[in-house]
C-alpha cells in the first residue's frame, strides 16, 4: 500500500519508539533480587518510551481500514494521519469514486472481561457513542471496523439490532 507523507511520518515515529523500546529492554537487567523501586522505574520508562500506544493502534487500524476502503470501494483519497487519533467526529468520512458518502468508526477494543459473551460496561458505552454517530449521519455506506475477532463476534450476536444500517467489518490483520 502506498502511504501519504503524513502516514509515513507517523509510521516513522512509531518505528523510532519501537527501536528505543527494544534497546531499553535489551539492556534492562531485572531479577527477583531487584528492588521494587527498580521494577517501578523500569516499567515507567517503558511507558514513557511507548507514548500513547492506544493512539498508535488506532492509527494502524486506520491504515487497515484504508486498505479495505481502497479494495472494496475504490477510495484512494483517505489519509489515515490527517485527523488526530482521538479527535471528535467520525473516524472516516470520505466520498467514494461514485460520489457517495462513506462514513466509518474504528474500534481496536478487546472485550474487557475476556469472556466471549459481551463487552465491559465502559466498552458498551464507548460503542454506543459510536453507534449514535453512525446512526445519526446520512451516508450511502456506514461501516464499523473492528480489529478483534471476539469483539466482532460479540457485535454480531448482541448489537446488530442497534446499528441496523451499519456493516460491521473485521479488519484482516494478515493482508496488509
N, C-alpha and C. Protein backbone atom coordinates (compact mmCIF):
# COMPACT_ATOMS: atom_id res chain seq x y z
N UNK A 1 0.85 -1.18 0.00
CA UNK A 1 0.00 0.00 0.00
C UNK A 1 0.89 1.23 0.00
N UNK A 2 0.48 2.23 -0.74
CA UNK A 2 1.21 3.48 -0.79
C UNK A 2 0.71 4.40 0.33
N UNK A 3 1.66 4.95 1.08
CA UNK A 3 1.32 5.82 2.20
C UNK A 3 1.47 7.28 1.79
N UNK A 4 0.65 8.13 2.42
CA UNK A 4 0.81 9.57 2.24
C UNK A 4 2.03 10.02 3.04
N UNK A 5 2.45 11.25 2.84
CA UNK A 5 3.59 11.79 3.59
C UNK A 5 3.30 11.78 5.08
N UNK A 6 2.07 12.17 5.48
CA UNK A 6 1.71 12.18 6.90
C UNK A 6 1.70 10.77 7.49
N UNK A 7 1.19 9.82 6.73
CA UNK A 7 1.17 8.43 7.20
C UNK A 7 2.59 7.89 7.37
N UNK A 8 3.45 8.17 6.42
CA UNK A 8 4.86 7.72 6.52
C UNK A 8 5.54 8.34 7.73
N UNK A 9 5.26 9.62 7.97
CA UNK A 9 5.84 10.30 9.13
C UNK A 9 5.37 9.64 10.43
N UNK A 10 4.09 9.34 10.52
CA UNK A 10 3.54 8.70 11.71
C UNK A 10 4.17 7.32 11.90
N UNK A 11 4.27 6.54 10.83
CA UNK A 11 4.90 5.22 10.92
C UNK A 11 6.35 5.32 11.36
N UNK A 12 7.07 6.32 10.88
CA UNK A 12 8.46 6.50 11.30
C UNK A 12 8.57 6.83 12.78
N UNK A 13 7.62 7.61 13.31
CA UNK A 13 7.62 7.90 14.75
C UNK A 13 7.37 6.63 15.56
N UNK A 14 6.44 5.80 15.10
CA UNK A 14 6.19 4.53 15.79
C UNK A 14 7.44 3.65 15.74
N UNK A 15 8.05 3.56 14.57
CA UNK A 15 9.25 2.74 14.40
C UNK A 15 10.36 3.21 15.35
N UNK A 16 10.55 4.51 15.44
CA UNK A 16 11.60 5.06 16.30
C UNK A 16 11.34 4.70 17.77
N UNK A 17 10.08 4.77 18.20
CA UNK A 17 9.77 4.39 19.58
C UNK A 17 10.01 2.90 19.81
N UNK A 18 9.67 2.08 18.83
CA UNK A 18 9.91 0.64 18.97
C UNK A 18 11.41 0.32 19.05
N UNK A 19 12.21 1.03 18.29
CA UNK A 19 13.67 0.85 18.33
C UNK A 19 14.19 1.24 19.72
N UNK A 20 13.71 2.38 20.25
CA UNK A 20 14.14 2.81 21.60
C UNK A 20 13.69 1.80 22.65
N UNK A 21 12.46 1.28 22.50
CA UNK A 21 11.95 0.31 23.47
C UNK A 21 12.77 -0.97 23.43
N UNK A 22 13.09 -1.46 22.22
CA UNK A 22 13.91 -2.67 22.10
C UNK A 22 15.26 -2.46 22.77
N UNK A 23 15.90 -1.33 22.50
CA UNK A 23 17.22 -1.06 23.09
C UNK A 23 17.12 -1.03 24.62
N UNK A 24 16.07 -0.39 25.13
CA UNK A 24 15.91 -0.32 26.58
C UNK A 24 15.69 -1.71 27.17
N UNK A 25 14.81 -2.49 26.55
CA UNK A 25 14.52 -3.83 27.08
C UNK A 25 15.76 -4.73 27.01
N UNK A 26 16.55 -4.59 25.97
CA UNK A 26 17.77 -5.40 25.84
C UNK A 26 18.79 -5.09 26.92
N UNK A 27 18.83 -3.86 27.43
CA UNK A 27 19.81 -3.52 28.45
C UNK A 27 19.27 -3.66 29.87
N UNK A 28 17.97 -3.84 30.00
CA UNK A 28 17.35 -3.96 31.32
C UNK A 28 17.76 -5.29 31.95
N UNK A 29 18.04 -5.27 33.26
CA UNK A 29 18.51 -6.47 33.94
C UNK A 29 17.81 -6.59 35.29
N UNK A 30 16.54 -6.91 35.25
CA UNK A 30 15.78 -7.09 36.49
C UNK A 30 15.73 -8.57 36.84
N UNK A 31 15.68 -8.83 38.14
CA UNK A 31 15.51 -10.20 38.61
C UNK A 31 14.78 -10.15 39.95
N UNK A 32 14.57 -11.29 40.57
CA UNK A 32 13.82 -11.33 41.83
C UNK A 32 14.50 -10.55 42.94
N UNK A 33 15.80 -10.34 42.85
CA UNK A 33 16.52 -9.60 43.88
C UNK A 33 16.44 -8.08 43.66
N UNK A 34 15.92 -7.66 42.53
CA UNK A 34 15.80 -6.22 42.24
C UNK A 34 14.82 -5.58 43.21
N UNK A 35 15.10 -4.34 43.56
CA UNK A 35 14.24 -3.58 44.45
C UNK A 35 12.94 -3.21 43.72
N UNK A 36 11.88 -3.06 44.49
CA UNK A 36 10.60 -2.65 43.91
C UNK A 36 10.73 -1.34 43.16
N UNK A 37 11.53 -0.44 43.68
CA UNK A 37 11.72 0.86 43.00
C UNK A 37 12.37 0.67 41.63
N UNK A 38 13.26 -0.32 41.50
CA UNK A 38 13.87 -0.60 40.19
C UNK A 38 12.82 -1.12 39.21
N UNK A 39 11.95 -2.01 39.69
CA UNK A 39 10.87 -2.53 38.85
C UNK A 39 9.97 -1.37 38.41
N UNK A 40 9.63 -0.52 39.36
CA UNK A 40 8.76 0.61 39.05
C UNK A 40 9.41 1.51 37.99
N UNK A 41 10.65 1.85 38.21
CA UNK A 41 11.35 2.72 37.25
C UNK A 41 11.43 2.09 35.87
N UNK A 42 11.64 0.79 35.81
CA UNK A 42 11.73 0.10 34.52
C UNK A 42 10.40 0.17 33.77
N UNK A 43 9.31 -0.11 34.47
CA UNK A 43 8.01 -0.10 33.82
C UNK A 43 7.62 1.34 33.45
N UNK A 44 7.93 2.29 34.30
CA UNK A 44 7.65 3.70 33.99
C UNK A 44 8.43 4.16 32.76
N UNK A 45 9.67 3.71 32.64
CA UNK A 45 10.48 4.06 31.46
C UNK A 45 9.87 3.44 30.21
N UNK A 46 9.43 2.18 30.30
CA UNK A 46 8.79 1.53 29.15
C UNK A 46 7.55 2.33 28.72
N UNK A 47 6.74 2.74 29.70
CA UNK A 47 5.53 3.51 29.39
C UNK A 47 5.90 4.83 28.74
N UNK A 48 6.93 5.46 29.23
CA UNK A 48 7.37 6.73 28.66
C UNK A 48 7.82 6.57 27.21
N UNK A 49 8.57 5.52 26.94
CA UNK A 49 9.05 5.28 25.58
C UNK A 49 7.87 4.98 24.65
N UNK A 50 6.93 4.17 25.12
CA UNK A 50 5.78 3.78 24.30
C UNK A 50 4.92 4.97 23.91
N UNK A 51 4.81 5.95 24.77
CA UNK A 51 3.90 7.05 24.48
C UNK A 51 2.47 6.53 24.54
N UNK A 52 1.58 7.14 23.78
CA UNK A 52 0.19 6.71 23.77
C UNK A 52 0.02 5.60 22.73
N UNK A 53 0.30 4.41 23.17
CA UNK A 53 0.26 3.27 22.25
C UNK A 53 -1.15 2.99 21.75
N UNK A 54 -2.16 3.40 22.50
CA UNK A 54 -3.55 3.24 22.04
C UNK A 54 -3.78 4.06 20.78
N UNK A 55 -3.24 5.26 20.74
CA UNK A 55 -3.36 6.08 19.53
C UNK A 55 -2.62 5.43 18.36
N UNK A 56 -1.48 4.83 18.64
CA UNK A 56 -0.73 4.14 17.58
C UNK A 56 -1.54 2.98 17.02
N UNK A 57 -2.17 2.20 17.90
CA UNK A 57 -3.01 1.10 17.43
C UNK A 57 -4.17 1.62 16.60
N UNK A 58 -4.78 2.71 17.03
CA UNK A 58 -5.89 3.29 16.27
C UNK A 58 -5.42 3.74 14.90
N UNK A 59 -4.26 4.37 14.85
CA UNK A 59 -3.72 4.80 13.55
C UNK A 59 -3.47 3.61 12.64
N UNK A 60 -2.86 2.57 13.18
CA UNK A 60 -2.58 1.38 12.37
C UNK A 60 -3.88 0.72 11.90
N UNK A 61 -4.90 0.73 12.75
CA UNK A 61 -6.21 0.22 12.35
C UNK A 61 -6.78 1.08 11.22
N UNK A 62 -6.53 2.38 11.26
CA UNK A 62 -6.97 3.26 10.17
C UNK A 62 -6.30 2.88 8.85
N UNK A 63 -5.03 2.51 8.93
CA UNK A 63 -4.35 2.06 7.71
C UNK A 63 -4.95 0.76 7.18
N UNK A 64 -5.33 -0.13 8.09
CA UNK A 64 -6.01 -1.36 7.66
C UNK A 64 -7.35 -1.03 7.01
N UNK A 65 -8.08 -0.10 7.61
CA UNK A 65 -9.37 0.32 7.04
C UNK A 65 -9.16 0.99 5.69
N UNK A 66 -8.09 1.77 5.57
CA UNK A 66 -7.79 2.42 4.29
C UNK A 66 -7.61 1.38 3.19
N UNK A 67 -6.91 0.31 3.50
CA UNK A 67 -6.71 -0.75 2.52
C UNK A 67 -8.06 -1.38 2.13
N UNK A 68 -8.90 -1.63 3.12
CA UNK A 68 -10.23 -2.19 2.86
C UNK A 68 -11.04 -1.25 1.97
N UNK A 69 -11.04 0.04 2.29
CA UNK A 69 -11.81 1.02 1.51
C UNK A 69 -11.32 1.09 0.08
N UNK A 70 -10.03 0.99 -0.10
CA UNK A 70 -9.48 1.02 -1.45
C UNK A 70 -9.91 -0.23 -2.22
N UNK A 71 -9.79 -1.38 -1.57
CA UNK A 71 -10.10 -2.64 -2.24
C UNK A 71 -11.59 -2.80 -2.54
N UNK A 72 -12.46 -2.40 -1.60
CA UNK A 72 -13.88 -2.68 -1.74
C UNK A 72 -14.70 -1.51 -2.29
N UNK A 73 -14.18 -0.29 -2.19
CA UNK A 73 -14.94 0.87 -2.65
C UNK A 73 -14.15 1.75 -3.62
N UNK A 74 -12.89 1.44 -3.85
CA UNK A 74 -12.08 2.26 -4.74
C UNK A 74 -11.69 3.61 -4.16
N UNK A 75 -11.80 3.74 -2.85
CA UNK A 75 -11.45 5.01 -2.18
C UNK A 75 -9.93 5.14 -2.15
N UNK A 76 -9.44 6.22 -2.73
CA UNK A 76 -8.00 6.48 -2.75
C UNK A 76 -7.64 7.81 -2.09
N UNK A 77 -8.64 8.56 -1.66
CA UNK A 77 -8.40 9.91 -1.15
C UNK A 77 -8.44 10.00 0.37
N UNK A 78 -8.20 8.89 1.06
CA UNK A 78 -8.23 8.89 2.52
C UNK A 78 -6.81 8.88 3.07
N UNK A 79 -6.51 9.86 3.91
CA UNK A 79 -5.22 9.96 4.59
C UNK A 79 -5.46 9.61 6.06
N UNK A 80 -5.00 8.45 6.49
CA UNK A 80 -5.24 7.97 7.85
C UNK A 80 -4.59 8.85 8.92
N UNK A 81 -3.62 9.65 8.54
CA UNK A 81 -2.93 10.50 9.52
C UNK A 81 -3.43 11.94 9.52
N UNK A 82 -4.37 12.27 8.67
CA UNK A 82 -4.82 13.66 8.55
C UNK A 82 -5.59 14.11 9.79
N UNK A 83 -6.35 13.23 10.39
CA UNK A 83 -7.13 13.56 11.59
C UNK A 83 -6.44 12.94 12.80
N UNK A 84 -6.16 13.73 13.82
CA UNK A 84 -5.50 13.16 15.01
C UNK A 84 -6.35 12.06 15.64
N UNK A 85 -5.70 11.00 16.10
CA UNK A 85 -6.40 9.92 16.78
C UNK A 85 -7.04 10.47 18.05
N UNK A 86 -8.27 10.10 18.30
CA UNK A 86 -8.97 10.56 19.49
C UNK A 86 -9.69 11.87 19.30
N UNK A 87 -9.52 12.51 18.13
CA UNK A 87 -10.23 13.77 17.88
C UNK A 87 -11.72 13.48 17.72
N UNK A 88 -12.58 14.45 18.08
CA UNK A 88 -14.02 14.22 17.95
C UNK A 88 -14.44 14.07 16.49
N UNK A 89 -15.61 13.50 16.33
CA UNK A 89 -16.15 13.32 14.99
C UNK A 89 -15.94 11.91 14.50
N UNK A 90 -16.39 11.67 13.29
CA UNK A 90 -16.26 10.35 12.68
C UNK A 90 -14.81 10.04 12.39
N UNK A 91 -14.44 8.77 12.53
CA UNK A 91 -13.07 8.36 12.22
C UNK A 91 -12.79 8.49 10.73
N UNK A 92 -13.78 8.14 9.92
CA UNK A 92 -13.64 8.21 8.46
C UNK A 92 -14.90 8.85 7.88
N UNK A 93 -14.69 9.81 7.02
CA UNK A 93 -15.79 10.47 6.32
C UNK A 93 -15.25 10.85 4.95
N UNK A 94 -15.52 10.01 3.95
CA UNK A 94 -14.95 10.20 2.61
C UNK A 94 -16.03 10.06 1.55
N UNK A 95 -15.66 10.43 0.35
CA UNK A 95 -16.53 10.25 -0.79
C UNK A 95 -15.95 9.14 -1.66
N UNK A 96 -16.83 8.24 -2.10
CA UNK A 96 -16.39 7.16 -2.99
C UNK A 96 -16.22 7.72 -4.40
N UNK A 97 -15.57 6.98 -5.28
CA UNK A 97 -15.45 7.43 -6.67
C UNK A 97 -16.80 7.67 -7.35
N UNK A 98 -17.86 7.05 -6.84
CA UNK A 98 -19.21 7.24 -7.39
C UNK A 98 -19.90 8.47 -6.80
N UNK A 99 -19.20 9.19 -5.92
CA UNK A 99 -19.77 10.38 -5.31
C UNK A 99 -20.66 10.10 -4.11
N UNK A 100 -20.58 8.91 -3.55
CA UNK A 100 -21.38 8.54 -2.39
C UNK A 100 -20.59 8.81 -1.11
N UNK A 101 -21.29 9.25 -0.09
CA UNK A 101 -20.64 9.47 1.20
C UNK A 101 -20.47 8.13 1.91
N UNK A 102 -19.28 7.90 2.43
CA UNK A 102 -18.95 6.71 3.20
C UNK A 102 -18.40 7.17 4.55
N UNK A 103 -19.00 6.66 5.62
CA UNK A 103 -18.53 7.01 6.96
C UNK A 103 -18.19 5.72 7.71
N UNK A 104 -17.30 5.85 8.66
CA UNK A 104 -16.90 4.67 9.44
C UNK A 104 -16.34 5.08 10.79
N UNK A 105 -16.50 4.17 11.71
CA UNK A 105 -15.85 4.24 13.01
C UNK A 105 -14.94 3.02 13.10
N UNK A 106 -13.86 3.15 13.86
CA UNK A 106 -12.88 2.08 14.01
C UNK A 106 -12.68 1.80 15.49
N UNK A 107 -12.76 0.53 15.86
CA UNK A 107 -12.57 0.12 17.25
C UNK A 107 -11.47 -0.94 17.33
N UNK A 108 -10.53 -0.72 18.23
CA UNK A 108 -9.47 -1.70 18.49
C UNK A 108 -9.74 -2.43 19.81
N UNK A 109 -10.96 -2.41 20.24
CA UNK A 109 -11.38 -2.96 21.52
C UNK A 109 -11.26 -4.48 21.57
N UNK A 110 -10.78 -4.95 22.71
CA UNK A 110 -10.80 -6.38 23.04
C UNK A 110 -11.75 -6.49 24.23
N UNK A 111 -12.72 -7.41 24.21
CA UNK A 111 -13.66 -7.49 25.32
C UNK A 111 -12.96 -7.50 26.67
N UNK A 112 -13.35 -6.58 27.53
CA UNK A 112 -12.70 -6.36 28.82
C UNK A 112 -12.73 -7.59 29.70
N UNK A 113 -13.83 -8.25 29.72
CA UNK A 113 -13.99 -9.37 30.64
C UNK A 113 -13.19 -10.59 30.22
N UNK A 114 -12.74 -10.60 28.98
CA UNK A 114 -12.05 -11.77 28.48
C UNK A 114 -13.04 -12.85 28.05
N UNK A 115 -14.29 -12.66 28.45
CA UNK A 115 -15.34 -13.61 28.05
C UNK A 115 -15.76 -13.30 26.62
N UNK A 116 -16.31 -14.28 25.97
CA UNK A 116 -16.72 -14.10 24.59
C UNK A 116 -18.18 -13.67 24.47
N UNK A 117 -18.85 -13.44 25.61
CA UNK A 117 -20.28 -13.18 25.54
C UNK A 117 -20.68 -11.72 25.53
N UNK A 118 -19.82 -10.79 25.97
CA UNK A 118 -20.21 -9.38 25.97
C UNK A 118 -19.01 -8.48 26.21
N UNK A 119 -19.26 -7.20 26.07
CA UNK A 119 -18.26 -6.16 26.33
C UNK A 119 -18.39 -5.70 27.78
N UNK A 120 -17.35 -5.04 28.29
CA UNK A 120 -17.42 -4.43 29.60
C UNK A 120 -18.31 -3.19 29.57
N UNK A 121 -18.70 -2.71 30.73
CA UNK A 121 -19.64 -1.58 30.83
C UNK A 121 -19.11 -0.32 30.11
N UNK A 122 -17.86 0.05 30.34
CA UNK A 122 -17.29 1.22 29.68
C UNK A 122 -17.16 1.00 28.18
N UNK A 123 -16.85 -0.22 27.78
CA UNK A 123 -16.75 -0.54 26.36
C UNK A 123 -18.11 -0.40 25.68
N UNK A 124 -19.17 -0.88 26.33
CA UNK A 124 -20.52 -0.73 25.78
C UNK A 124 -20.85 0.73 25.58
N UNK A 125 -20.52 1.54 26.57
CA UNK A 125 -20.79 2.98 26.48
C UNK A 125 -20.05 3.60 25.30
N UNK A 126 -18.80 3.24 25.14
CA UNK A 126 -18.00 3.77 24.03
C UNK A 126 -18.56 3.33 22.68
N UNK A 127 -18.93 2.07 22.58
CA UNK A 127 -19.51 1.57 21.33
C UNK A 127 -20.82 2.28 21.03
N UNK A 128 -21.63 2.46 22.05
CA UNK A 128 -22.94 3.10 21.82
C UNK A 128 -22.79 4.55 21.37
N UNK A 129 -21.77 5.22 21.82
CA UNK A 129 -21.50 6.58 21.31
C UNK A 129 -21.18 6.52 19.82
N UNK A 130 -20.38 5.54 19.42
CA UNK A 130 -20.07 5.37 18.00
C UNK A 130 -21.30 4.94 17.21
N UNK A 131 -22.14 4.07 17.81
CA UNK A 131 -23.39 3.67 17.15
C UNK A 131 -24.22 4.91 16.87
N UNK A 132 -24.31 5.81 17.85
CA UNK A 132 -25.12 7.03 17.69
C UNK A 132 -24.57 7.90 16.56
N UNK A 133 -23.25 8.02 16.47
CA UNK A 133 -22.65 8.81 15.39
C UNK A 133 -23.00 8.21 14.04
N UNK A 134 -22.86 6.90 13.93
CA UNK A 134 -23.15 6.24 12.66
C UNK A 134 -24.64 6.30 12.32
N UNK A 135 -25.48 6.01 13.30
CA UNK A 135 -26.93 6.02 13.06
C UNK A 135 -27.45 7.42 12.75
N UNK A 136 -26.83 8.44 13.32
CA UNK A 136 -27.32 9.80 13.17
C UNK A 136 -26.86 10.51 11.91
N UNK A 137 -25.94 9.92 11.19
CA UNK A 137 -25.39 10.58 9.99
C UNK A 137 -26.05 10.03 8.73
N UNK A 138 -26.16 10.89 7.73
CA UNK A 138 -26.66 10.48 6.42
C UNK A 138 -25.47 10.06 5.57
N UNK A 139 -25.49 8.84 5.09
CA UNK A 139 -24.42 8.35 4.24
C UNK A 139 -24.92 7.13 3.47
N UNK A 140 -24.37 6.94 2.28
CA UNK A 140 -24.71 5.76 1.49
C UNK A 140 -24.12 4.50 2.07
N UNK A 141 -22.95 4.63 2.70
CA UNK A 141 -22.24 3.49 3.28
C UNK A 141 -21.83 3.84 4.71
N UNK A 142 -22.20 2.95 5.63
CA UNK A 142 -21.83 3.11 7.03
C UNK A 142 -21.14 1.84 7.49
N UNK A 143 -19.93 2.00 8.00
CA UNK A 143 -19.13 0.85 8.41
C UNK A 143 -18.65 1.01 9.84
N UNK A 144 -18.55 -0.10 10.52
CA UNK A 144 -17.92 -0.16 11.84
C UNK A 144 -16.81 -1.19 11.72
N UNK A 145 -15.57 -0.72 11.75
CA UNK A 145 -14.41 -1.60 11.66
C UNK A 145 -13.98 -2.03 13.05
N UNK A 146 -13.67 -3.31 13.21
CA UNK A 146 -13.10 -3.80 14.46
C UNK A 146 -11.87 -4.65 14.11
N UNK A 147 -10.95 -4.74 15.06
CA UNK A 147 -9.70 -5.46 14.82
C UNK A 147 -9.61 -6.77 15.59
N UNK A 148 -10.59 -7.05 16.43
CA UNK A 148 -10.53 -8.22 17.29
C UNK A 148 -11.68 -9.17 16.98
N UNK A 149 -11.36 -10.44 16.77
CA UNK A 149 -12.37 -11.45 16.42
C UNK A 149 -13.44 -11.58 17.51
N UNK A 150 -13.04 -11.61 18.79
CA UNK A 150 -14.02 -11.76 19.86
C UNK A 150 -14.98 -10.56 19.89
N UNK A 151 -14.46 -9.38 19.66
CA UNK A 151 -15.31 -8.18 19.61
C UNK A 151 -16.28 -8.28 18.44
N UNK A 152 -15.77 -8.69 17.29
CA UNK A 152 -16.62 -8.86 16.11
C UNK A 152 -17.75 -9.84 16.41
N UNK A 153 -17.41 -10.97 17.04
CA UNK A 153 -18.42 -11.98 17.35
C UNK A 153 -19.47 -11.45 18.32
N UNK A 154 -19.03 -10.71 19.34
CA UNK A 154 -19.98 -10.11 20.29
C UNK A 154 -20.92 -9.15 19.57
N UNK A 155 -20.36 -8.32 18.70
CA UNK A 155 -21.20 -7.38 17.96
C UNK A 155 -22.22 -8.13 17.10
N UNK A 156 -21.80 -9.19 16.45
CA UNK A 156 -22.70 -9.97 15.61
C UNK A 156 -23.83 -10.58 16.43
N UNK A 157 -23.51 -11.06 17.62
CA UNK A 157 -24.51 -11.74 18.44
C UNK A 157 -25.43 -10.79 19.19
N UNK A 158 -24.89 -9.64 19.65
CA UNK A 158 -25.65 -8.85 20.62
C UNK A 158 -26.04 -7.44 20.18
N UNK A 159 -25.37 -6.86 19.20
CA UNK A 159 -25.55 -5.43 18.97
C UNK A 159 -26.00 -5.02 17.57
N UNK A 160 -26.13 -5.95 16.64
CA UNK A 160 -26.51 -5.57 15.28
C UNK A 160 -27.86 -4.86 15.24
N UNK A 161 -28.76 -5.22 16.14
CA UNK A 161 -30.07 -4.56 16.20
C UNK A 161 -29.98 -3.07 16.52
N UNK A 162 -28.89 -2.65 17.16
CA UNK A 162 -28.70 -1.23 17.49
C UNK A 162 -28.11 -0.44 16.33
N UNK A 163 -27.59 -1.15 15.32
CA UNK A 163 -26.98 -0.49 14.17
C UNK A 163 -27.45 -1.17 12.88
N UNK A 164 -28.76 -1.04 12.60
CA UNK A 164 -29.35 -1.80 11.50
C UNK A 164 -28.81 -1.49 10.11
N UNK A 165 -28.31 -0.31 9.88
CA UNK A 165 -27.82 0.07 8.55
C UNK A 165 -26.30 0.20 8.50
N UNK A 166 -25.65 -0.46 9.42
CA UNK A 166 -24.19 -0.38 9.52
C UNK A 166 -23.60 -1.76 9.24
N UNK A 167 -22.60 -1.78 8.40
CA UNK A 167 -21.88 -3.02 8.10
C UNK A 167 -20.71 -3.13 9.08
N UNK A 168 -20.65 -4.22 9.84
CA UNK A 168 -19.55 -4.47 10.76
C UNK A 168 -18.50 -5.27 10.01
N UNK A 169 -17.27 -4.77 10.04
CA UNK A 169 -16.18 -5.38 9.28
C UNK A 169 -15.04 -5.74 10.23
N UNK A 170 -14.64 -7.01 10.21
CA UNK A 170 -13.45 -7.45 10.93
C UNK A 170 -12.26 -7.22 10.02
N UNK A 171 -11.38 -6.31 10.41
CA UNK A 171 -10.23 -6.00 9.58
C UNK A 171 -9.28 -7.18 9.56
N UNK A 172 -8.77 -7.47 8.40
CA UNK A 172 -7.85 -8.58 8.19
C UNK A 172 -6.45 -8.15 8.60
N UNK A 173 -5.97 -8.70 9.70
CA UNK A 173 -4.66 -8.30 10.20
C UNK A 173 -3.52 -9.00 9.48
N UNK A 174 -3.84 -9.88 8.53
CA UNK A 174 -2.78 -10.60 7.83
C UNK A 174 -2.52 -10.07 6.41
N UNK A 175 -3.40 -9.20 5.92
CA UNK A 175 -3.31 -8.83 4.50
C UNK A 175 -2.49 -7.59 4.23
N UNK A 176 -2.23 -6.77 5.22
CA UNK A 176 -1.52 -5.51 4.97
C UNK A 176 -0.19 -5.51 5.67
